[in-house]
Amino acid sequence: MHSFFTSASRRRLRFALPGLALILVAACASTPPPATNLQAAQQAIAAAEGVDAATHAAVELGEARTKLASAQQAVVQEDMIVAARLADESRAAAELATARSGAAKAKAVNEDMKHSTATLVEEMQRKTGDSR
C-alpha cells in the first residue's frame, strides 16, 4: 500500500508545521493590551458610582469591579483575549448597575408622587366634605 503522503510531502509538512506553529504563537503574543476595553469599563464603573449604584445595585457594581480587577490581572499574565472579554463583561455589569440604580430611583419618585397625590385627594375631600 502506498502512504497517503509522499516522502516529499512529508518533508515539506515537517518544515511547514513548526513554521505555522511559530506564526500562531507570535500572533497570540503580539495581541496588544485591550486598553480601550479597560478604559470603557473604568468609565462605566465611575458612571455607576456617580448615580449611587453602590446603594441601589451593589451586587452588579461589585461584579463590575471584580471583573475589571480580573481583566487587569489577565493583562499582567499577558492573556489579552481574556482581558478584553473580562473588561467587556465589567463594562456591561457597570451599565446594568447604572440602569438598576436609575430604575430604583424612578420607582422611589413614583411612590412619592403616589403618596403626595393621595394626600392631596384626602385634603380635597376633607375640605369639600366629599366622602367618595
N, C-alpha and C. Protein backbone atom coordinates (compact mmCIF):
# COMPACT_ATOMS: atom_id res chain seq x y z
N MET A 1 0.84 -1.18 0.00
CA MET A 1 0.00 0.00 0.00
C MET A 1 0.87 1.23 0.00
N HIS A 2 0.34 2.22 -0.65
CA HIS A 2 1.06 3.49 -0.69
C HIS A 2 0.61 4.39 0.44
N SER A 3 1.54 5.08 0.97
CA SER A 3 1.22 6.04 2.02
C SER A 3 0.46 7.20 1.39
N PHE A 4 -0.40 7.82 2.18
CA PHE A 4 -1.18 8.96 1.70
C PHE A 4 -0.26 10.10 1.30
N PHE A 5 0.77 10.32 2.07
CA PHE A 5 1.74 11.37 1.77
C PHE A 5 2.97 10.76 1.13
N THR A 6 3.45 11.43 0.14
CA THR A 6 4.72 11.00 -0.45
C THR A 6 5.83 11.48 0.48
N SER A 7 7.02 10.98 0.26
CA SER A 7 8.12 11.38 1.13
C SER A 7 8.42 12.87 0.96
N ALA A 8 8.25 13.40 -0.22
CA ALA A 8 8.48 14.84 -0.44
C ALA A 8 7.43 15.66 0.30
N SER A 9 6.18 15.19 0.29
CA SER A 9 5.10 15.89 1.00
C SER A 9 5.35 15.87 2.50
N ARG A 10 5.83 14.73 2.99
CA ARG A 10 6.12 14.63 4.42
C ARG A 10 7.24 15.57 4.82
N ARG A 11 8.26 15.71 3.98
CA ARG A 11 9.36 16.62 4.29
C ARG A 11 8.86 18.06 4.32
N ARG A 12 8.05 18.44 3.35
CA ARG A 12 7.51 19.81 3.33
C ARG A 12 6.63 20.05 4.55
N LEU A 13 5.83 19.07 4.90
CA LEU A 13 4.95 19.19 6.05
C LEU A 13 5.77 19.29 7.33
N ARG A 14 6.86 18.55 7.41
CA ARG A 14 7.71 18.58 8.58
C ARG A 14 8.31 19.97 8.79
N PHE A 15 8.59 20.68 7.70
CA PHE A 15 9.15 22.03 7.82
C PHE A 15 8.05 23.08 7.96
N ALA A 16 6.90 22.83 7.40
CA ALA A 16 5.81 23.82 7.43
C ALA A 16 5.11 23.88 8.78
N LEU A 17 4.90 22.75 9.43
CA LEU A 17 4.17 22.74 10.70
C LEU A 17 4.85 23.55 11.79
N PRO A 18 6.15 23.39 12.01
CA PRO A 18 6.77 24.24 13.03
C PRO A 18 6.69 25.73 12.68
N GLY A 19 6.81 26.05 11.41
CA GLY A 19 6.69 27.46 10.98
C GLY A 19 5.31 28.00 11.24
N LEU A 20 4.29 27.19 10.97
CA LEU A 20 2.91 27.60 11.22
C LEU A 20 2.67 27.78 12.71
N ALA A 21 3.19 26.87 13.51
CA ALA A 21 3.05 26.98 14.96
C ALA A 21 3.74 28.24 15.46
N LEU A 22 4.89 28.55 14.93
CA LEU A 22 5.62 29.76 15.34
C LEU A 22 4.83 31.02 14.98
N ILE A 23 4.22 31.03 13.82
CA ILE A 23 3.40 32.18 13.40
C ILE A 23 2.21 32.35 14.35
N LEU A 24 1.55 31.24 14.70
CA LEU A 24 0.41 31.32 15.61
C LEU A 24 0.82 31.81 16.99
N VAL A 25 1.94 31.34 17.49
CA VAL A 25 2.42 31.79 18.79
C VAL A 25 2.76 33.27 18.74
N ALA A 26 3.41 33.71 17.68
CA ALA A 26 3.77 35.12 17.54
C ALA A 26 2.53 35.99 17.45
N ALA A 27 1.51 35.52 16.75
CA ALA A 27 0.27 36.29 16.62
C ALA A 27 -0.41 36.45 17.97
N CYS A 28 -0.43 35.39 18.75
CA CYS A 28 -1.04 35.48 20.08
C CYS A 28 -0.22 36.36 21.00
N ALA A 29 1.08 36.27 20.91
CA ALA A 29 1.94 37.05 21.79
C ALA A 29 1.91 38.53 21.44
N SER A 30 1.59 38.85 20.20
CA SER A 30 1.61 40.25 19.80
C SER A 30 0.26 40.94 19.94
N THR A 31 -0.72 40.27 20.52
CA THR A 31 -2.01 40.89 20.73
C THR A 31 -1.83 42.03 21.74
N PRO A 32 -2.19 43.25 21.34
CA PRO A 32 -1.97 44.38 22.25
C PRO A 32 -2.94 44.34 23.43
N PRO A 33 -2.57 44.99 24.52
CA PRO A 33 -3.49 45.06 25.67
C PRO A 33 -4.79 45.76 25.27
N PRO A 34 -5.90 45.31 25.82
CA PRO A 34 -7.20 45.90 25.47
C PRO A 34 -7.44 47.22 26.21
N ALA A 35 -6.61 48.20 25.94
CA ALA A 35 -6.68 49.48 26.67
C ALA A 35 -8.05 50.14 26.52
N THR A 36 -8.62 50.10 25.34
CA THR A 36 -9.93 50.72 25.10
C THR A 36 -11.01 50.02 25.93
N ASN A 37 -10.96 48.70 25.97
CA ASN A 37 -11.94 47.94 26.73
C ASN A 37 -11.82 48.23 28.23
N LEU A 38 -10.58 48.28 28.71
CA LEU A 38 -10.35 48.56 30.13
C LEU A 38 -10.81 49.96 30.50
N GLN A 39 -10.52 50.91 29.63
CA GLN A 39 -10.92 52.29 29.89
C GLN A 39 -12.44 52.41 29.88
N ALA A 40 -13.10 51.75 28.95
CA ALA A 40 -14.57 51.79 28.90
C ALA A 40 -15.17 51.19 30.17
N ALA A 41 -14.57 50.12 30.67
CA ALA A 41 -15.06 49.50 31.91
C ALA A 41 -14.87 50.45 33.08
N GLN A 42 -13.70 51.09 33.16
CA GLN A 42 -13.44 52.03 34.25
C GLN A 42 -14.42 53.20 34.21
N GLN A 43 -14.70 53.70 33.02
CA GLN A 43 -15.63 54.83 32.89
C GLN A 43 -17.05 54.41 33.26
N ALA A 44 -17.44 53.20 32.88
CA ALA A 44 -18.78 52.71 33.21
C ALA A 44 -18.92 52.54 34.72
N ILE A 45 -17.87 52.06 35.37
CA ILE A 45 -17.91 51.91 36.83
C ILE A 45 -18.00 53.28 37.50
N ALA A 46 -17.23 54.23 37.01
CA ALA A 46 -17.28 55.59 37.57
C ALA A 46 -18.68 56.19 37.39
N ALA A 47 -19.29 55.96 36.23
CA ALA A 47 -20.64 56.46 35.98
C ALA A 47 -21.64 55.81 36.93
N ALA A 48 -21.49 54.52 37.16
CA ALA A 48 -22.39 53.81 38.08
C ALA A 48 -22.23 54.34 39.50
N GLU A 49 -21.00 54.59 39.88
CA GLU A 49 -20.76 55.14 41.22
C GLU A 49 -21.36 56.55 41.34
N GLY A 50 -21.35 57.28 40.23
CA GLY A 50 -21.89 58.63 40.21
C GLY A 50 -23.40 58.70 40.39
N VAL A 51 -24.09 57.61 40.07
CA VAL A 51 -25.55 57.59 40.25
C VAL A 51 -25.95 56.75 41.46
N ASP A 52 -24.99 56.57 42.36
CA ASP A 52 -25.23 55.89 43.63
C ASP A 52 -25.63 54.42 43.46
N ALA A 53 -24.99 53.76 42.49
CA ALA A 53 -25.28 52.35 42.27
C ALA A 53 -24.85 51.48 43.45
N ALA A 54 -23.92 51.96 44.25
CA ALA A 54 -23.49 51.20 45.42
C ALA A 54 -24.66 50.98 46.38
N THR A 55 -25.61 51.89 46.39
CA THR A 55 -26.78 51.76 47.25
C THR A 55 -27.87 50.95 46.58
N HIS A 56 -28.11 51.21 45.30
CA HIS A 56 -29.26 50.63 44.60
C HIS A 56 -28.95 49.39 43.79
N ALA A 57 -27.68 49.14 43.47
CA ALA A 57 -27.31 47.98 42.65
C ALA A 57 -25.92 47.49 43.06
N ALA A 58 -25.78 47.23 44.35
CA ALA A 58 -24.47 46.87 44.90
C ALA A 58 -23.92 45.58 44.30
N VAL A 59 -24.77 44.61 44.04
CA VAL A 59 -24.31 43.33 43.50
C VAL A 59 -23.70 43.53 42.11
N GLU A 60 -24.41 44.24 41.26
CA GLU A 60 -23.94 44.47 39.90
C GLU A 60 -22.66 45.30 39.89
N LEU A 61 -22.61 46.33 40.73
CA LEU A 61 -21.42 47.16 40.81
C LEU A 61 -20.22 46.36 41.33
N GLY A 62 -20.46 45.52 42.31
CA GLY A 62 -19.39 44.65 42.83
C GLY A 62 -18.88 43.70 41.76
N GLU A 63 -19.80 43.16 40.97
CA GLU A 63 -19.41 42.26 39.88
C GLU A 63 -18.56 43.02 38.85
N ALA A 64 -18.95 44.24 38.55
CA ALA A 64 -18.19 45.05 37.59
C ALA A 64 -16.77 45.29 38.10
N ARG A 65 -16.65 45.62 39.35
CA ARG A 65 -15.32 45.87 39.94
C ARG A 65 -14.48 44.60 39.93
N THR A 66 -15.08 43.48 40.27
CA THR A 66 -14.36 42.21 40.31
C THR A 66 -13.87 41.81 38.92
N LYS A 67 -14.74 41.97 37.93
CA LYS A 67 -14.36 41.61 36.56
C LYS A 67 -13.26 42.53 36.03
N LEU A 68 -13.32 43.81 36.40
CA LEU A 68 -12.27 44.73 35.98
C LEU A 68 -10.93 44.32 36.60
N ALA A 69 -10.94 43.97 37.87
CA ALA A 69 -9.71 43.52 38.53
C ALA A 69 -9.17 42.26 37.86
N SER A 70 -10.07 41.35 37.51
CA SER A 70 -9.66 40.13 36.81
C SER A 70 -9.09 40.44 35.43
N ALA A 71 -9.69 41.40 34.76
CA ALA A 71 -9.19 41.81 33.44
C ALA A 71 -7.78 42.39 33.56
N GLN A 72 -7.58 43.20 34.57
CA GLN A 72 -6.25 43.79 34.77
C GLN A 72 -5.23 42.71 35.11
N GLN A 73 -5.64 41.71 35.87
CA GLN A 73 -4.75 40.58 36.18
C GLN A 73 -4.43 39.79 34.92
N ALA A 74 -5.41 39.63 34.04
CA ALA A 74 -5.18 38.91 32.78
C ALA A 74 -4.17 39.66 31.91
N VAL A 75 -4.19 40.99 31.95
CA VAL A 75 -3.19 41.78 31.21
C VAL A 75 -1.80 41.49 31.77
N VAL A 76 -1.69 41.45 33.09
CA VAL A 76 -0.40 41.16 33.72
C VAL A 76 0.10 39.78 33.29
N GLN A 77 -0.83 38.84 33.17
CA GLN A 77 -0.49 37.48 32.75
C GLN A 77 -0.38 37.35 31.24
N GLU A 78 -0.53 38.47 30.54
CA GLU A 78 -0.41 38.55 29.08
C GLU A 78 -1.43 37.71 28.34
N ASP A 79 -2.62 37.58 28.91
CA ASP A 79 -3.72 36.89 28.25
C ASP A 79 -4.71 37.96 27.79
N MET A 80 -4.39 38.58 26.67
CA MET A 80 -5.12 39.76 26.22
C MET A 80 -6.54 39.45 25.76
N ILE A 81 -6.75 38.27 25.23
CA ILE A 81 -8.10 37.91 24.78
C ILE A 81 -9.03 37.79 25.99
N VAL A 82 -8.57 37.12 27.03
CA VAL A 82 -9.37 37.00 28.26
C VAL A 82 -9.54 38.38 28.89
N ALA A 83 -8.49 39.19 28.88
CA ALA A 83 -8.56 40.53 29.46
C ALA A 83 -9.64 41.36 28.76
N ALA A 84 -9.68 41.31 27.44
CA ALA A 84 -10.68 42.07 26.69
C ALA A 84 -12.09 41.59 27.02
N ARG A 85 -12.26 40.27 27.10
CA ARG A 85 -13.58 39.72 27.41
C ARG A 85 -14.02 40.14 28.82
N LEU A 86 -13.14 40.03 29.78
CA LEU A 86 -13.48 40.41 31.15
C LEU A 86 -13.76 41.91 31.27
N ALA A 87 -13.00 42.71 30.55
CA ALA A 87 -13.23 44.16 30.57
C ALA A 87 -14.62 44.48 29.99
N ASP A 88 -14.98 43.79 28.91
CA ASP A 88 -16.31 44.00 28.31
C ASP A 88 -17.41 43.56 29.27
N GLU A 89 -17.20 42.44 29.96
CA GLU A 89 -18.18 41.98 30.94
C GLU A 89 -18.28 42.96 32.10
N SER A 90 -17.16 43.53 32.50
CA SER A 90 -17.15 44.53 33.56
C SER A 90 -17.97 45.75 33.16
N ARG A 91 -17.75 46.22 31.94
CA ARG A 91 -18.50 47.38 31.44
C ARG A 91 -19.99 47.08 31.42
N ALA A 92 -20.36 45.90 30.96
CA ALA A 92 -21.78 45.53 30.89
C ALA A 92 -22.39 45.48 32.29
N ALA A 93 -21.67 44.93 33.24
CA ALA A 93 -22.19 44.85 34.62
C ALA A 93 -22.34 46.26 35.21
N ALA A 94 -21.39 47.14 34.92
CA ALA A 94 -21.48 48.52 35.42
C ALA A 94 -22.66 49.25 34.78
N GLU A 95 -22.88 49.02 33.50
CA GLU A 95 -24.02 49.65 32.82
C GLU A 95 -25.34 49.12 33.39
N LEU A 96 -25.37 47.83 33.72
CA LEU A 96 -26.56 47.27 34.34
C LEU A 96 -26.78 47.90 35.72
N ALA A 97 -25.70 48.08 36.47
CA ALA A 97 -25.80 48.73 37.79
C ALA A 97 -26.36 50.14 37.65
N THR A 98 -25.90 50.87 36.64
CA THR A 98 -26.39 52.22 36.39
C THR A 98 -27.89 52.20 36.09
N ALA A 99 -28.29 51.26 35.23
CA ALA A 99 -29.71 51.16 34.85
C ALA A 99 -30.57 50.76 36.05
N ARG A 100 -30.10 49.80 36.84
CA ARG A 100 -30.87 49.37 38.01
C ARG A 100 -30.98 50.49 39.04
N SER A 101 -29.92 51.25 39.19
CA SER A 101 -29.94 52.38 40.12
C SER A 101 -30.96 53.42 39.65
N GLY A 102 -30.95 53.71 38.36
CA GLY A 102 -31.92 54.66 37.81
C GLY A 102 -33.35 54.18 37.98
N ALA A 103 -33.55 52.89 37.77
CA ALA A 103 -34.90 52.33 37.94
C ALA A 103 -35.35 52.40 39.40
N ALA A 104 -34.44 52.13 40.33
CA ALA A 104 -34.79 52.20 41.75
C ALA A 104 -35.14 53.63 42.15
N LYS A 105 -34.38 54.59 41.64
CA LYS A 105 -34.67 55.99 41.95
C LYS A 105 -36.00 56.42 41.34
N ALA A 106 -36.27 55.99 40.13
CA ALA A 106 -37.53 56.34 39.47
C ALA A 106 -38.71 55.73 40.22
N LYS A 107 -38.53 54.50 40.68
CA LYS A 107 -39.59 53.86 41.45
C LYS A 107 -39.87 54.62 42.75
N ALA A 108 -38.80 55.07 43.40
CA ALA A 108 -38.97 55.84 44.64
C ALA A 108 -39.70 57.15 44.38
N VAL A 109 -39.36 57.82 43.29
CA VAL A 109 -40.03 59.07 42.93
C VAL A 109 -41.50 58.80 42.62
N ASN A 110 -41.77 57.72 41.92
CA ASN A 110 -43.14 57.35 41.58
C ASN A 110 -43.96 57.08 42.84
N GLU A 111 -43.37 56.35 43.79
CA GLU A 111 -44.06 56.07 45.06
C GLU A 111 -44.33 57.37 45.82
N ASP A 112 -43.36 58.26 45.81
CA ASP A 112 -43.52 59.55 46.49
C ASP A 112 -44.65 60.35 45.85
N MET A 113 -44.71 60.33 44.52
CA MET A 113 -45.78 61.07 43.82
C MET A 113 -47.15 60.46 44.12
N LYS A 114 -47.21 59.14 44.18
CA LYS A 114 -48.48 58.48 44.53
C LYS A 114 -48.93 58.89 45.94
N HIS A 115 -47.99 58.91 46.85
CA HIS A 115 -48.30 59.29 48.24
C HIS A 115 -48.77 60.75 48.28
N SER A 116 -48.08 61.62 47.56
CA SER A 116 -48.46 63.04 47.54
C SER A 116 -49.83 63.23 46.92
N THR A 117 -50.12 62.50 45.87
CA THR A 117 -51.42 62.59 45.22
C THR A 117 -52.52 62.11 46.16
N ALA A 118 -52.26 61.02 46.85
CA ALA A 118 -53.26 60.51 47.80
C ALA A 118 -53.51 61.51 48.91
N THR A 119 -52.46 62.16 49.38
CA THR A 119 -52.60 63.17 50.43
C THR A 119 -53.43 64.35 49.93
N LEU A 120 -53.17 64.79 48.71
CA LEU A 120 -53.94 65.90 48.13
C LEU A 120 -55.41 65.54 47.98
N VAL A 121 -55.68 64.32 47.54
CA VAL A 121 -57.07 63.88 47.38
C VAL A 121 -57.77 63.88 48.73
N GLU A 122 -57.10 63.37 49.76
CA GLU A 122 -57.68 63.36 51.10
C GLU A 122 -57.97 64.77 51.59
N GLU A 123 -57.04 65.69 51.35
CA GLU A 123 -57.23 67.09 51.76
C GLU A 123 -58.42 67.70 51.03
N MET A 124 -58.53 67.44 49.74
CA MET A 124 -59.64 67.99 48.96
C MET A 124 -60.97 67.43 49.45
N GLN A 125 -61.00 66.15 49.75
CA GLN A 125 -62.24 65.52 50.23
C GLN A 125 -62.62 66.06 51.60
N ARG A 126 -61.64 66.29 52.42
CA ARG A 126 -61.90 66.80 53.76
C ARG A 126 -62.46 68.24 53.70
N LYS A 127 -61.89 69.04 52.80
CA LYS A 127 -62.33 70.43 52.69
C LYS A 127 -63.69 70.57 52.04
N THR A 128 -64.03 69.67 51.12
CA THR A 128 -65.32 69.76 50.44
C THR A 128 -66.39 68.92 51.10
N GLY A 129 -65.97 68.07 52.00
CA GLY A 129 -66.96 67.21 52.66
C GLY A 129 -67.34 66.02 51.82
N ASP A 130 -66.67 65.79 50.73
CA ASP A 130 -66.97 64.65 49.84
C ASP A 130 -66.34 63.41 50.44
N SER A 131 -67.09 62.34 50.51
CA SER A 131 -66.59 61.13 51.14
C SER A 131 -66.58 59.95 50.16
N ARG A 132 -66.12 60.17 49.01
CA ARG A 132 -66.10 59.10 47.99
C ARG A 132 -65.40 57.92 48.46
